[in-house]
Protein backbone atom coordinates (compact mmCIF):
# COMPACT_ATOMS: atom_id res chain seq x y z
CA MET A 1 -7.31 -19.31 27.99
CA ALA A 2 -9.36 -16.11 27.60
CA VAL A 3 -12.78 -16.25 25.98
CA PHE A 4 -13.94 -13.23 24.02
CA THR A 5 -17.53 -12.43 23.20
CA LEU A 6 -18.07 -10.60 19.94
CA SER A 7 -21.16 -8.51 19.51
CA ALA A 8 -22.21 -8.23 15.91
CA PRO A 9 -23.35 -4.81 14.73
CA GLU A 10 -27.04 -4.72 13.89
CA GLN A 11 -28.05 -4.46 10.23
CA THR A 12 -29.01 -0.78 10.56
CA THR A 13 -25.61 -0.05 12.07
CA LEU A 14 -23.96 -1.79 9.11
CA LEU A 15 -25.99 0.40 6.75
CA GLU A 16 -24.78 3.51 8.55
CA LEU A 17 -21.15 2.44 9.02
CA PHE A 18 -20.51 1.35 5.45
CA ALA A 19 -23.21 3.17 3.44
CA PHE A 20 -24.71 -0.16 2.35
CA THR A 21 -27.92 -0.24 0.39
CA PRO A 22 -30.72 -2.18 2.11
CA THR A 23 -29.99 -5.27 -0.01
CA GLU A 24 -26.25 -5.01 0.66
CA GLY A 25 -27.10 -4.82 4.36
CA ARG A 26 -29.21 -7.98 4.16
CA VAL A 27 -26.49 -9.83 2.20
CA ALA A 28 -23.81 -8.67 4.66
CA SER A 29 -25.93 -9.67 7.67
CA LEU A 30 -26.56 -13.14 6.27
CA LEU A 31 -22.89 -13.58 5.41
CA ARG A 32 -21.95 -12.46 8.93
CA ASP A 33 -24.37 -15.06 10.28
CA GLY A 34 -22.45 -17.79 8.46
CA LYS A 35 -24.67 -18.24 5.42
CA SER A 36 -23.12 -19.35 2.13
CA THR A 37 -23.69 -17.55 -1.15
CA GLN A 38 -26.16 -20.27 -2.12
CA GLU A 39 -28.05 -19.93 1.17
CA ILE A 40 -28.18 -16.14 0.74
CA THR A 41 -29.55 -16.66 -2.79
CA GLN A 42 -32.29 -18.92 -1.45
CA THR A 43 -33.11 -16.75 1.56
CA LEU A 44 -33.40 -13.51 -0.42
CA LYS A 45 -34.87 -15.22 -3.50
CA ILE A 46 -32.42 -13.50 -5.84
CA ALA A 47 -30.02 -14.84 -8.47
CA THR A 48 -26.52 -15.98 -7.53
CA SER A 49 -25.11 -13.35 -9.89
CA THR A 50 -27.03 -10.69 -7.96
CA VAL A 51 -25.61 -11.90 -4.65
CA ARG A 52 -22.11 -11.84 -6.16
CA PHE A 53 -22.70 -8.29 -7.46
CA HIS A 54 -23.73 -7.13 -3.99
CA LEU A 55 -20.75 -8.91 -2.42
CA ALA A 56 -18.41 -7.10 -4.82
CA ARG A 57 -19.92 -3.77 -3.75
CA ILE A 58 -19.68 -4.77 -0.08
CA PHE A 59 -15.97 -5.62 -0.50
CA GLU A 60 -15.43 -2.26 -2.18
CA LYS A 61 -17.29 -0.28 0.49
CA THR A 62 -15.54 -2.04 3.38
CA GLY A 63 -12.06 -1.99 1.85
CA THR A 64 -11.74 -5.76 2.22
CA SER A 65 -10.65 -8.24 -0.41
CA ARG A 66 -11.23 -11.62 1.20
CA GLN A 67 -14.38 -13.11 2.66
CA ALA A 68 -12.64 -13.93 5.96
CA GLN A 69 -11.59 -10.26 6.33
CA LEU A 70 -15.10 -9.13 5.55
CA VAL A 71 -16.78 -11.48 8.03
CA ARG A 72 -14.38 -10.43 10.78
CA LEU A 73 -15.11 -6.77 10.07
CA LEU A 74 -18.85 -7.44 10.08
CA LEU A 75 -18.58 -9.28 13.39
CA VAL A 76 -16.48 -6.80 15.35
CA GLY A 77 -16.96 -3.56 13.42
CA PRO A 78 -14.28 -1.20 12.17
CA THR A 79 -11.31 -0.43 14.37
CA PRO A 80 -10.44 3.20 15.07
CA GLN A 81 -7.73 4.57 12.81
CA GLU A 82 -4.43 5.69 14.29
CA PRO A 83 -4.13 9.51 14.48
């Protein structure tokens, strides 16, 4: 069985790749690191509704609609588009 190592893009790379705001970048990084919405709320000391707002914007900017899709994208980065 093959073992693959995924290198997660750094937060600044996420900001550049997806045009995230700094807070969106922090939320995305924490989500990528396996944190729950509640843990992100506690870590960033912001309201749950604020985290959800940022997540909605992150989904929009990344073209994802499910959290699993988003986390995968944040872990491996975007794949090149077919010509």
